[in-house]
Amino acid sequence: MYAVIATGGRQYKVQEGDIIRVEKLGVEPGTSYKFEEVLVIGEGDSISVGTPFVQGAEVVASVIGDGKEKKVIIYKYKSKKGFHKKKGHRQPFTKVKIETVKA
């Protein structure tokens, strides 16, 4: 059984046992978290598509921990003006393991 969930402005296709990185949730490691915004649930050939969400469906995941992505460098300059600006950014994430997918 698989599901498509929405969190942090993105959509993820998940199955039981998957480990994914989502936008930072602000939840302590070791606790469970319910994703209730389930867009699609499918098993084999049968698919349930929500409008916008599937009623009564949820995906339960356990939080493994938090971290930061690799640094992205933002560099701006204007030619012939002597203007240079360098800035870095590391996006925070939460790593979760999908435990159950309930229809």
Protein backbone atom coordinates (compact mmCIF):
# COMPACT_ATOMS: atom_id res chain seq x y z
CA MET A 1 0.00 0.00 0.00
CA TYR A 2 1.26 3.45 -0.86
CA ALA A 3 0.10 7.00 -0.25
CA VAL A 4 0.84 10.50 -1.50
CA ILE A 5 1.07 12.99 1.36
CA ALA A 6 1.41 16.77 1.38
CA THR A 7 3.63 18.50 3.93
CA GLY A 8 5.75 21.62 3.85
CA GLY A 9 4.42 22.65 0.43
CA ARG A 10 5.64 19.44 -1.22
CA GLN A 11 4.17 16.06 -2.05
CA TYR A 12 5.78 12.70 -1.23
CA LYS A 13 4.91 9.18 -2.39
CA VAL A 14 5.48 6.91 0.62
CA GLN A 15 5.17 3.26 1.62
CA GLU A 16 5.62 1.51 4.94
CA GLY A 17 9.29 1.39 5.92
CA ASP A 18 10.37 4.38 3.80
CA ILE A 19 12.70 6.96 5.32
CA ILE A 20 12.15 10.46 3.94
CA ARG A 21 13.30 14.01 4.65
CA VAL A 22 10.52 16.59 5.03
CA GLU A 23 10.48 20.26 6.00
CA LYS A 24 11.30 20.77 9.67
CA LEU A 25 8.35 19.67 11.82
CA GLY A 26 9.50 20.85 15.26
CA VAL A 27 8.82 17.45 16.88
CA GLU A 28 11.13 15.67 19.31
CA PRO A 29 13.06 12.64 17.95
CA GLY A 30 11.54 9.30 18.92
CA THR A 31 7.93 10.50 18.87
CA SER A 32 5.29 9.64 16.31
CA TYR A 33 3.73 12.12 13.87
CA LYS A 34 0.51 11.80 11.85
CA PHE A 35 0.31 13.14 8.32
CA GLU A 36 -3.41 13.75 7.80
CA GLU A 37 -3.15 15.50 4.43
CA VAL A 38 -3.30 12.32 2.33
CA LEU A 39 -3.96 13.09 -1.34
CA VAL A 40 -3.93 9.56 -2.81
CA ILE A 41 -4.03 6.03 -1.39
CA GLY A 42 -3.42 3.02 -3.57
CA GLU A 43 -2.90 -0.71 -3.34
CA GLY A 44 -2.32 -2.69 -6.51
CA ASP A 45 -4.80 -1.50 -9.13
CA SER A 46 -7.23 0.19 -6.73
CA ILE A 47 -6.61 3.90 -6.18
CA SER A 48 -8.49 6.38 -4.00
CA VAL A 49 -8.04 10.03 -4.95
CA GLY A 50 -9.18 12.69 -2.50
CA THR A 51 -10.91 15.99 -3.17
CA PRO A 52 -8.56 17.45 -1.94
CA PHE A 53 -7.82 14.86 0.80
CA VAL A 54 -8.90 11.23 1.29
CA GLN A 55 -11.43 11.08 4.16
CA GLY A 56 -10.25 9.08 7.18
CA ALA A 57 -6.82 8.32 5.73
CA GLU A 58 -3.64 8.98 7.66
CA VAL A 59 0.03 8.12 7.53
CA VAL A 60 1.82 7.56 10.84
CA ALA A 61 5.58 8.11 10.98
CA SER A 62 8.21 8.05 13.70
CA VAL A 63 10.63 10.96 13.89
CA ILE A 64 14.28 9.91 13.57
CA GLY A 65 15.88 13.35 13.95
CA ASP A 66 16.56 16.81 12.59
CA GLY A 67 19.37 18.10 10.41
CA LYS A 68 20.41 20.60 7.78
CA GLU A 69 20.89 20.16 4.04
CA LYS A 70 24.11 20.99 2.20
CA LYS A 71 24.95 24.67 1.99
CA VAL A 72 23.62 26.58 -1.00
CA ILE A 73 25.63 29.65 -1.99
CA ILE A 74 23.78 32.74 -3.18
CA TYR A 75 26.13 35.09 -5.04
CA LYS A 76 25.08 38.43 -6.49
CA TYR A 77 27.20 40.91 -8.38
CA LYS A 78 26.85 43.80 -10.77
CA SER A 79 29.40 44.07 -13.51
CA LYS A 80 31.64 47.14 -13.59
CA LYS A 81 30.18 48.48 -10.33
CA GLY A 82 32.27 46.69 -7.69
CA PHE A 83 29.15 45.20 -6.09
CA HIS A 84 29.57 41.65 -4.74
CA LYS A 85 27.37 39.94 -2.18
CA LYS A 86 27.84 36.35 -0.98
CA LYS A 87 25.37 34.57 1.25
CA GLY A 88 24.89 30.93 2.27
CA HIS A 89 21.80 28.99 3.36
CA ARG A 90 21.24 25.55 4.89
CA GLN A 91 17.63 24.36 4.83
CA PRO A 92 16.54 22.50 8.00
CA PHE A 93 14.78 19.14 7.63
CA THR A 94 13.27 16.36 9.73
CA LYS A 95 14.00 12.73 8.90
CA VAL A 96 11.01 10.43 9.44
CA LYS A 97 10.34 6.71 8.99
CA ILE A 98 6.90 5.72 7.69
CA GLU A 99 5.33 3.19 10.07
CA THR A 100 1.75 2.69 8.87
CA VAL A 101 -0.49 3.76 6.00
CA LYS A 102 -4.18 3.63 6.97
CA ALA A 103 -6.98 4.00 4.45
